[in-house]
Amino acid sequence: GANQRVENIDQRTTRSRQGTRWEAGLSFT
């Protein structure tokens, strides 16, 4: 309307990932 609202953002994000994945398959036809 006639008013205003101010939003200030100061954000820090950290992400750390470590992984190992393995798969095995055997198929007979």
PDB file of all heavy atoms in Angstrom:
ATOM      1  N   GLY A   1       0.842  -1.199   0.000  1.00  0.00           N
ATOM      2  CA  GLY A   1       0.000   0.000   0.000  1.00  0.00           C
ATOM      3  C   GLY A   1       0.873   1.243   0.000  1.00  0.00           C
ATOM      4  O   GLY A   1       1.758   1.390  -0.830  1.00  0.00           O
ATOM      5  N   ALA A   2       0.669   2.144   0.954  1.00  0.00           N
ATOM      6  CA  ALA A   2       1.465   3.362   1.049  1.00  0.00           C
ATOM      7  C   ALA A   2       2.747   3.147   1.845  1.00  0.00           C
ATOM      8  O   ALA A   2       3.609   4.020   1.892  1.00  0.00           O
ATOM      9  CB  ALA A   2       0.634   4.471   1.682  1.00  0.00           C
ATOM     10  N   ASN A   3       2.902   1.980   2.479  1.00  0.00           N
ATOM     11  CA  ASN A   3       4.067   1.696   3.318  1.00  0.00           C
ATOM     12  C   ASN A   3       5.067   0.807   2.579  1.00  0.00           C
ATOM     13  O   ASN A   3       4.724   0.146   1.607  1.00  0.00           O
ATOM     14  CB  ASN A   3       3.639   0.994   4.611  1.00  0.00           C
ATOM     15  CG  ASN A   3       2.673   1.829   5.410  1.00  0.00           C
ATOM     16  OD1 ASN A   3       2.827   3.044   5.501  1.00  0.00           O
ATOM     17  ND2 ASN A   3       1.671   1.179   5.980  1.00  0.00           N
ATOM     18  N   GLN A   4       6.270   0.814   3.075  1.00  0.00           N
ATOM     19  CA  GLN A   4       7.265  -0.098   2.543  1.00  0.00           C
ATOM     20  C   GLN A   4       7.987  -0.797   3.686  1.00  0.00           C
ATOM     21  O   GLN A   4       8.092  -0.282   4.783  1.00  0.00           O
ATOM     22  CB  GLN A   4       8.266   0.617   1.642  1.00  0.00           C
ATOM     23  CG  GLN A   4       9.256   1.504   2.347  1.00  0.00           C
ATOM     24  CD  GLN A   4      10.234   2.128   1.351  1.00  0.00           C
ATOM     25  OE1 GLN A   4       9.968   2.205   0.165  1.00  0.00           O
ATOM     26  NE2 GLN A   4      11.357   2.576   1.852  1.00  0.00           N
ATOM     27  N   ARG A   5       8.449  -1.995   3.374  1.00  0.00           N
ATOM     28  CA  ARG A   5       9.176  -2.802   4.358  1.00  0.00           C
ATOM     29  C   ARG A   5      10.501  -3.206   3.728  1.00  0.00           C
ATOM     30  O   ARG A   5      10.557  -3.609   2.571  1.00  0.00           O
ATOM     31  CB  ARG A   5       8.354  -4.044   4.696  1.00  0.00           C
ATOM     32  CG  ARG A   5       9.017  -4.984   5.670  1.00  0.00           C
ATOM     33  CD  ARG A   5       8.056  -6.101   6.101  1.00  0.00           C
ATOM     34  NE  ARG A   5       7.465  -6.833   4.995  1.00  0.00           N
ATOM     35  CZ  ARG A   5       7.963  -7.983   4.498  1.00  0.00           C
ATOM     36  NH1 ARG A   5       9.055  -8.505   4.992  1.00  0.00           N
ATOM     37  NH2 ARG A   5       7.352  -8.590   3.506  1.00  0.00           N
ATOM     38  N   VAL A   6      11.596  -3.104   4.478  1.00  0.00           N
ATOM     39  CA  VAL A   6      12.930  -3.431   3.979  1.00  0.00           C
ATOM     40  C   VAL A   6      13.430  -4.675   4.696  1.00  0.00           C
ATOM     41  O   VAL A   6      13.330  -4.778   5.925  1.00  0.00           O
ATOM     42  CB  VAL A   6      13.913  -2.255   4.189  1.00  0.00           C
ATOM     43  CG1 VAL A   6      15.304  -2.638   3.733  1.00  0.00           C
ATOM     44  CG2 VAL A   6      13.419  -1.013   3.475  1.00  0.00           C
ATOM     45  N   GLU A   7      13.948  -5.619   3.925  1.00  0.00           N
ATOM     46  CA  GLU A   7      14.499  -6.854   4.475  1.00  0.00           C
ATOM     47  C   GLU A   7      15.965  -6.939   4.072  1.00  0.00           C
ATOM     48  O   GLU A   7      16.294  -6.881   2.889  1.00  0.00           O
ATOM     49  CB  GLU A   7      13.730  -8.044   3.908  1.00  0.00           C
ATOM     50  CG  GLU A   7      14.224  -9.391   4.355  1.00  0.00           C
ATOM     51  CD  GLU A   7      13.437 -10.504   3.675  1.00  0.00           C
ATOM     52  OE1 GLU A   7      13.604 -10.685   2.450  1.00  0.00           O
ATOM     53  OE2 GLU A   7      12.660 -11.183   4.358  1.00  0.00           O
ATOM     54  N   ASN A   8      16.872  -7.066   5.036  1.00  0.00           N
ATOM     55  CA  ASN A   8      18.298  -7.205   4.781  1.00  0.00           C
ATOM     56  C   ASN A   8      18.718  -8.637   5.089  1.00  0.00           C
ATOM     57  O   ASN A   8      18.408  -9.158   6.167  1.00  0.00           O
ATOM     58  CB  ASN A   8      19.113  -6.236   5.643  1.00  0.00           C
ATOM     59  CG  ASN A   8      18.907  -4.806   5.208  1.00  0.00           C
ATOM     60  OD1 ASN A   8      19.098  -4.471   4.046  1.00  0.00           O
ATOM     61  ND2 ASN A   8      18.495  -3.958   6.134  1.00  0.00           N
ATOM     62  N   ILE A   9      19.429  -9.239   4.137  1.00  0.00           N
ATOM     63  CA  ILE A   9      19.887 -10.620   4.294  1.00  0.00           C
ATOM     64  C   ILE A   9      21.410 -10.631   4.261  1.00  0.00           C
ATOM     65  O   ILE A   9      22.030 -10.064   3.357  1.00  0.00           O
ATOM     66  CB  ILE A   9      19.336 -11.522   3.172  1.00  0.00           C
ATOM     67  CG1 ILE A   9      17.809 -11.557   3.229  1.00  0.00           C
ATOM     68  CG2 ILE A   9      19.916 -12.923   3.270  1.00  0.00           C
ATOM     69  CD1 ILE A   9      17.175 -12.283   2.071  1.00  0.00           C
ATOM     70  N   ASP A  10      21.999 -11.302   5.250  1.00  0.00           N
ATOM     71  CA  ASP A  10      23.443 -11.528   5.287  1.00  0.00           C
ATOM     72  C   ASP A  10      23.606 -13.015   5.628  1.00  0.00           C
ATOM     73  O   ASP A  10      23.513 -13.412   6.787  1.00  0.00           O
ATOM     74  CB  ASP A  10      24.101 -10.640   6.352  1.00  0.00           C
ATOM     75  CG  ASP A  10      25.613 -10.698   6.288  1.00  0.00           C
ATOM     76  OD1 ASP A  10      26.150 -11.489   5.476  1.00  0.00           O
ATOM     77  OD2 ASP A  10      26.250  -9.961   7.058  1.00  0.00           O
ATOM     78  N   GLN A  11      23.837 -13.826   4.610  1.00  0.00           N
ATOM     79  CA  GLN A  11      23.768 -15.278   4.762  1.00  0.00           C
ATOM     80  C   GLN A  11      25.083 -15.924   4.328  1.00  0.00           C
ATOM     81  O   GLN A  11      25.650 -15.569   3.305  1.00  0.00           O
ATOM     82  CB  GLN A  11      22.621 -15.806   3.902  1.00  0.00           C
ATOM     83  CG  GLN A  11      22.432 -17.285   3.917  1.00  0.00           C
ATOM     84  CD  GLN A  11      21.286 -17.692   2.992  1.00  0.00           C
ATOM     85  OE1 GLN A  11      20.973 -16.991   2.032  1.00  0.00           O
ATOM     86  NE2 GLN A  11      20.669 -18.806   3.279  1.00  0.00           N
ATOM     87  N   ARG A  12      25.550 -16.906   5.103  1.00  0.00           N
ATOM     88  CA  ARG A  12      26.735 -17.682   4.751  1.00  0.00           C
ATOM     89  C   ARG A  12      26.328 -19.157   4.726  1.00  0.00           C
ATOM     90  O   ARG A  12      25.714 -19.655   5.663  1.00  0.00           O
ATOM     91  CB  ARG A  12      27.852 -17.465   5.752  1.00  0.00           C
ATOM     92  CG  ARG A  12      29.103 -18.268   5.428  1.00  0.00           C
ATOM     93  CD  ARG A  12      30.272 -17.873   6.334  1.00  0.00           C
ATOM     94  NE  ARG A  12      31.508 -18.437   5.870  1.00  0.00           N
ATOM     95  CZ  ARG A  12      32.280 -17.936   4.931  1.00  0.00           C
ATOM     96  NH1 ARG A  12      31.929 -16.837   4.319  1.00  0.00           N
ATOM     97  NH2 ARG A  12      33.403 -18.516   4.587  1.00  0.00           N
ATOM     98  N   THR A  13      26.693 -19.844   3.646  1.00  0.00           N
ATOM     99  CA  THR A  13      26.347 -21.249   3.483  1.00  0.00           C
ATOM    100  C   THR A  13      27.624 -22.059   3.272  1.00  0.00           C
ATOM    101  O   THR A  13      28.479 -21.667   2.478  1.00  0.00           O
ATOM    102  CB  THR A  13      25.423 -21.444   2.263  1.00  0.00           C
ATOM    103  OG1 THR A  13      24.265 -20.630   2.425  1.00  0.00           O
ATOM    104  CG2 THR A  13      25.007 -22.883   2.106  1.00  0.00           C
ATOM    105  N   THR A  14      27.743 -23.164   3.982  1.00  0.00           N
ATOM    106  CA  THR A  14      28.854 -24.087   3.778  1.00  0.00           C
ATOM    107  C   THR A  14      28.280 -25.479   3.554  1.00  0.00           C
ATOM    108  O   THR A  14      27.260 -25.854   4.142  1.00  0.00           O
ATOM    109  CB  THR A  14      29.812 -24.128   4.987  1.00  0.00           C
ATOM    110  OG1 THR A  14      29.079 -24.500   6.136  1.00  0.00           O
ATOM    111  CG2 THR A  14      30.461 -22.782   5.218  1.00  0.00           C
ATOM    112  N   ARG A  15      28.938 -26.213   2.675  1.00  0.00           N
ATOM    113  CA  ARG A  15      28.499 -27.574   2.370  1.00  0.00           C
ATOM    114  C   ARG A  15      29.732 -28.437   2.191  1.00  0.00           C
ATOM    115  O   ARG A  15      30.670 -28.058   1.490  1.00  0.00           O
ATOM    116  CB  ARG A  15      27.661 -27.596   1.094  1.00  0.00           C
ATOM    117  CG  ARG A  15      27.164 -28.974   0.727  1.00  0.00           C
ATOM    118  CD  ARG A  15      26.346 -28.935  -0.532  1.00  0.00           C
ATOM    119  NE  ARG A  15      27.208 -28.708  -1.673  1.00  0.00           N
ATOM    120  CZ  ARG A  15      27.057 -29.305  -2.846  1.00  0.00           C
ATOM    121  NH1 ARG A  15      26.076 -30.134  -3.045  1.00  0.00           N
ATOM    122  NH2 ARG A  15      27.884 -29.048  -3.837  1.00  0.00           N
ATOM    123  N   SER A  16      29.725 -29.581   2.835  1.00  0.00           N
ATOM    124  CA  SER A  16      30.826 -30.523   2.703  1.00  0.00           C
ATOM    125  C   SER A  16      30.235 -31.909   2.504  1.00  0.00           C
ATOM    126  O   SER A  16      29.367 -32.333   3.263  1.00  0.00           O
ATOM    127  CB  SER A  16      31.694 -30.490   3.955  1.00  0.00           C
ATOM    128  OG  SER A  16      32.784 -31.354   3.812  1.00  0.00           O
ATOM    129  N   ARG A  17      30.694 -32.596   1.458  1.00  0.00           N
ATOM    130  CA  ARG A  17      30.176 -33.932   1.149  1.00  0.00           C
ATOM    131  C   ARG A  17      31.343 -34.813   0.728  1.00  0.00           C
ATOM    132  O   ARG A  17      32.232 -34.380   0.001  1.00  0.00           O
ATOM    133  CB  ARG A  17      29.163 -33.861   0.012  1.00  0.00           C
ATOM    134  CG  ARG A  17      28.710 -35.220  -0.501  1.00  0.00           C
ATOM    135  CD  ARG A  17      27.967 -35.122  -1.813  1.00  0.00           C
ATOM    136  NE  ARG A  17      28.811 -34.740  -2.917  1.00  0.00           N
ATOM    137  CZ  ARG A  17      29.465 -35.575  -3.719  1.00  0.00           C
ATOM    138  NH1 ARG A  17      29.405 -36.864  -3.519  1.00  0.00           N
ATOM    139  NH2 ARG A  17      30.200 -35.137  -4.713  1.00  0.00           N
ATOM    140  N   GLN A  18      31.333 -36.033   1.204  1.00  0.00           N
ATOM    141  CA  GLN A  18      32.304 -37.014   0.752  1.00  0.00           C
ATOM    142  C   GLN A  18      31.601 -38.348   0.688  1.00  0.00           C
ATOM    143  O   GLN A  18      30.846 -38.699   1.599  1.00  0.00           O
ATOM    144  CB  GLN A  18      33.493 -37.096   1.695  1.00  0.00           C
ATOM    145  CG  GLN A  18      34.543 -38.070   1.217  1.00  0.00           C
ATOM    146  CD  GLN A  18      35.807 -38.008   2.053  1.00  0.00           C
ATOM    147  OE1 GLN A  18      35.929 -37.186   2.946  1.00  0.00           O
ATOM    148  NE2 GLN A  18      36.742 -38.889   1.763  1.00  0.00           N
ATOM    149  N   GLY A  19      31.819 -39.096  -0.389  1.00  0.00           N
ATOM    150  CA  GLY A  19      31.126 -40.369  -0.480  1.00  0.00           C
ATOM    151  C   GLY A  19      31.736 -41.296  -1.507  1.00  0.00           C
ATOM    152  O   GLY A  19      32.402 -40.869  -2.444  1.00  0.00           O
ATOM    153  N   THR A  20      31.475 -42.571  -1.286  1.00  0.00           N
ATOM    154  CA  THR A  20      31.874 -43.619  -2.215  1.00  0.00           C
ATOM    155  C   THR A  20      30.653 -44.488  -2.472  1.00  0.00           C
ATOM    156  O   THR A  20      29.928 -44.831  -1.541  1.00  0.00           O
ATOM    157  CB  THR A  20      33.010 -44.478  -1.623  1.00  0.00           C
ATOM    158  OG1 THR A  20      34.120 -43.633  -1.350  1.00  0.00           O
ATOM    159  CG2 THR A  20      33.435 -45.566  -2.584  1.00  0.00           C
ATOM    160  N   ARG A  21      30.435 -44.807  -3.732  1.00  0.00           N
ATOM    161  CA  ARG A  21      29.297 -45.650  -4.102  1.00  0.00           C
ATOM    162  C   ARG A  21      29.798 -46.733  -5.038  1.00  0.00           C
ATOM    163  O   ARG A  21      30.606 -46.468  -5.929  1.00  0.00           O
ATOM    164  CB  ARG A  21      28.241 -44.806  -4.815  1.00  0.00           C
ATOM    165  CG  ARG A  21      27.003 -45.602  -5.186  1.00  0.00           C
ATOM    166  CD  ARG A  21      26.061 -44.736  -5.947  1.00  0.00           C
ATOM    167  NE  ARG A  21      26.458 -44.747  -7.350  1.00  0.00           N
ATOM    168  CZ  ARG A  21      25.705 -44.315  -8.339  1.00  0.00           C
ATOM    169  NH1 ARG A  21      24.545 -43.785  -8.100  1.00  0.00           N
ATOM    170  NH2 ARG A  21      26.122 -44.368  -9.575  1.00  0.00           N
ATOM    171  N   TRP A  22      29.333 -47.939  -4.846  1.00  0.00           N
ATOM    172  CA  TRP A  22      29.681 -49.003  -5.762  1.00  0.00           C
ATOM    173  C   TRP A  22      28.455 -49.871  -6.012  1.00  0.00           C
ATOM    174  O   TRP A  22      27.563 -49.965  -5.177  1.00  0.00           O
ATOM    175  CB  TRP A  22      30.859 -49.844  -5.261  1.00  0.00           C
ATOM    176  CG  TRP A  22      30.623 -50.547  -3.954  1.00  0.00           C
ATOM    177  CD1 TRP A  22      30.820 -50.046  -2.713  1.00  0.00           C
ATOM    178  CD2 TRP A  22      30.100 -51.862  -3.782  1.00  0.00           C
ATOM    179  NE1 TRP A  22      30.471 -50.977  -1.767  1.00  0.00           N
ATOM    180  CE2 TRP A  22      30.032 -52.101  -2.394  1.00  0.00           C
ATOM    181  CE3 TRP A  22      29.691 -52.860  -4.652  1.00  0.00           C
ATOM    182  CZ2 TRP A  22      29.560 -53.300  -1.884  1.00  0.00           C
ATOM    183  CZ3 TRP A  22      29.224 -54.054  -4.140  1.00  0.00           C
ATOM    184  CH2 TRP A  22      29.164 -54.258  -2.765  1.00  0.00           C
ATOM    185  N   GLU A  23      28.423 -50.468  -7.183  1.00  0.00           N
ATOM    186  CA  GLU A  23      27.334 -51.361  -7.570  1.00  0.00           C
ATOM    187  C   GLU A  23      27.933 -52.532  -8.329  1.00  0.00           C
ATOM    188  O   GLU A  23      28.958 -52.388  -8.996  1.00  0.00           O
ATOM    189  CB  GLU A  23      26.336 -50.661  -8.495  1.00  0.00           C
ATOM    190  CG  GLU A  23      25.613 -49.501  -7.890  1.00  0.00           C
ATOM    191  CD  GLU A  23      24.716 -48.775  -8.896  1.00  0.00           C
ATOM    192  OE1 GLU A  23      24.465 -49.331  -9.989  1.00  0.00           O
ATOM    193  OE2 GLU A  23      24.287 -47.669  -8.582  1.00  0.00           O
ATOM    194  N   ALA A  24      27.278 -53.677  -8.258  1.00  0.00           N
ATOM    195  CA  ALA A  24      27.683 -54.847  -9.027  1.00  0.00           C
ATOM    196  C   ALA A  24      26.433 -55.551  -9.512  1.00  0.00           C
ATOM    197  O   ALA A  24      25.404 -55.561  -8.829  1.00  0.00           O
ATOM    198  CB  ALA A  24      28.535 -55.787  -8.179  1.00  0.00           C
ATOM    199  N   GLY A  25      26.497 -56.103 -10.711  1.00  0.00           N
ATOM    200  CA  GLY A  25      25.350 -56.803 -11.259  1.00  0.00           C
ATOM    201  C   GLY A  25      25.778 -58.008 -12.078  1.00  0.00           C
ATOM    202  O   GLY A  25      26.855 -58.025 -12.674  1.00  0.00           O
ATOM    203  N   LEU A  26      24.931 -59.024 -12.099  1.00  0.00           N
ATOM    204  CA  LEU A  26      25.166 -60.221 -12.876  1.00  0.00           C
ATOM    205  C   LEU A  26      23.866 -60.551 -13.593  1.00  0.00           C
ATOM    206  O   LEU A  26      22.798 -60.572 -12.986  1.00  0.00           O
ATOM    207  CB  LEU A  26      25.583 -61.377 -11.959  1.00  0.00           C
ATOM    208  CG  LEU A  26      25.990 -62.673 -12.633  1.00  0.00           C
ATOM    209  CD1 LEU A  26      27.241 -62.455 -13.482  1.00  0.00           C
ATOM    210  CD2 LEU A  26      26.235 -63.742 -11.584  1.00  0.00           C
ATOM    211  N   SER A  27      23.956 -60.790 -14.902  1.00  0.00           N
ATOM    212  CA  SER A  27      22.759 -61.033 -15.699  1.00  0.00           C
ATOM    213  C   SER A  27      22.966 -62.276 -16.562  1.00  0.00           C
ATOM    214  O   SER A  27      23.993 -62.415 -17.230  1.00  0.00           O
ATOM    215  CB  SER A  27      22.494 -59.815 -16.590  1.00  0.00           C
ATOM    216  OG  SER A  27      21.476 -60.080 -17.511  1.00  0.00           O
ATOM    217  N   PHE A  28      21.991 -63.169 -16.533  1.00  0.00           N
ATOM    218  CA  PHE A  28      22.007 -64.367 -17.378  1.00  0.00           C
ATOM    219  C   PHE A  28      20.797 -64.297 -18.292  1.00  0.00           C
ATOM    220  O   PHE A  28      19.682 -64.059 -17.844  1.00  0.00           O
ATOM    221  CB  PHE A  28      21.955 -65.632 -16.517  1.00  0.00           C
ATOM    222  CG  PHE A  28      21.893 -66.891 -17.326  1.00  0.00           C
ATOM    223  CD1 PHE A  28      23.023 -67.353 -17.972  1.00  0.00           C
ATOM    224  CD2 PHE A  28      20.710 -67.590 -17.451  1.00  0.00           C
ATOM    225  CE1 PHE A  28      22.977 -68.512 -18.736  1.00  0.00           C
ATOM    226  CE2 PHE A  28      20.655 -68.749 -18.197  1.00  0.00           C
ATOM    227  CZ  PHE A  28      21.788 -69.216 -18.844  1.00  0.00           C
ATOM    228  N   THR A  29      21.019 -64.512 -19.579  1.00  0.00           N
ATOM    229  CA  THR A  29      19.938 -64.448 -20.565  1.00  0.00           C
ATOM    230  C   THR A  29      19.805 -65.793 -21.267  1.00  0.00           C
ATOM    231  O   THR A  29      20.805 -66.383 -21.693  1.00  0.00           O
ATOM    232  CB  THR A  29      20.225 -63.354 -21.614  1.00  0.00           C
ATOM    233  OG1 THR A  29      20.441 -62.120 -20.939  1.00  0.00           O
ATOM    234  CG2 THR A  29      19.076 -63.198 -22.583  1.00  0.00           C
TER     235      THR A  29
END
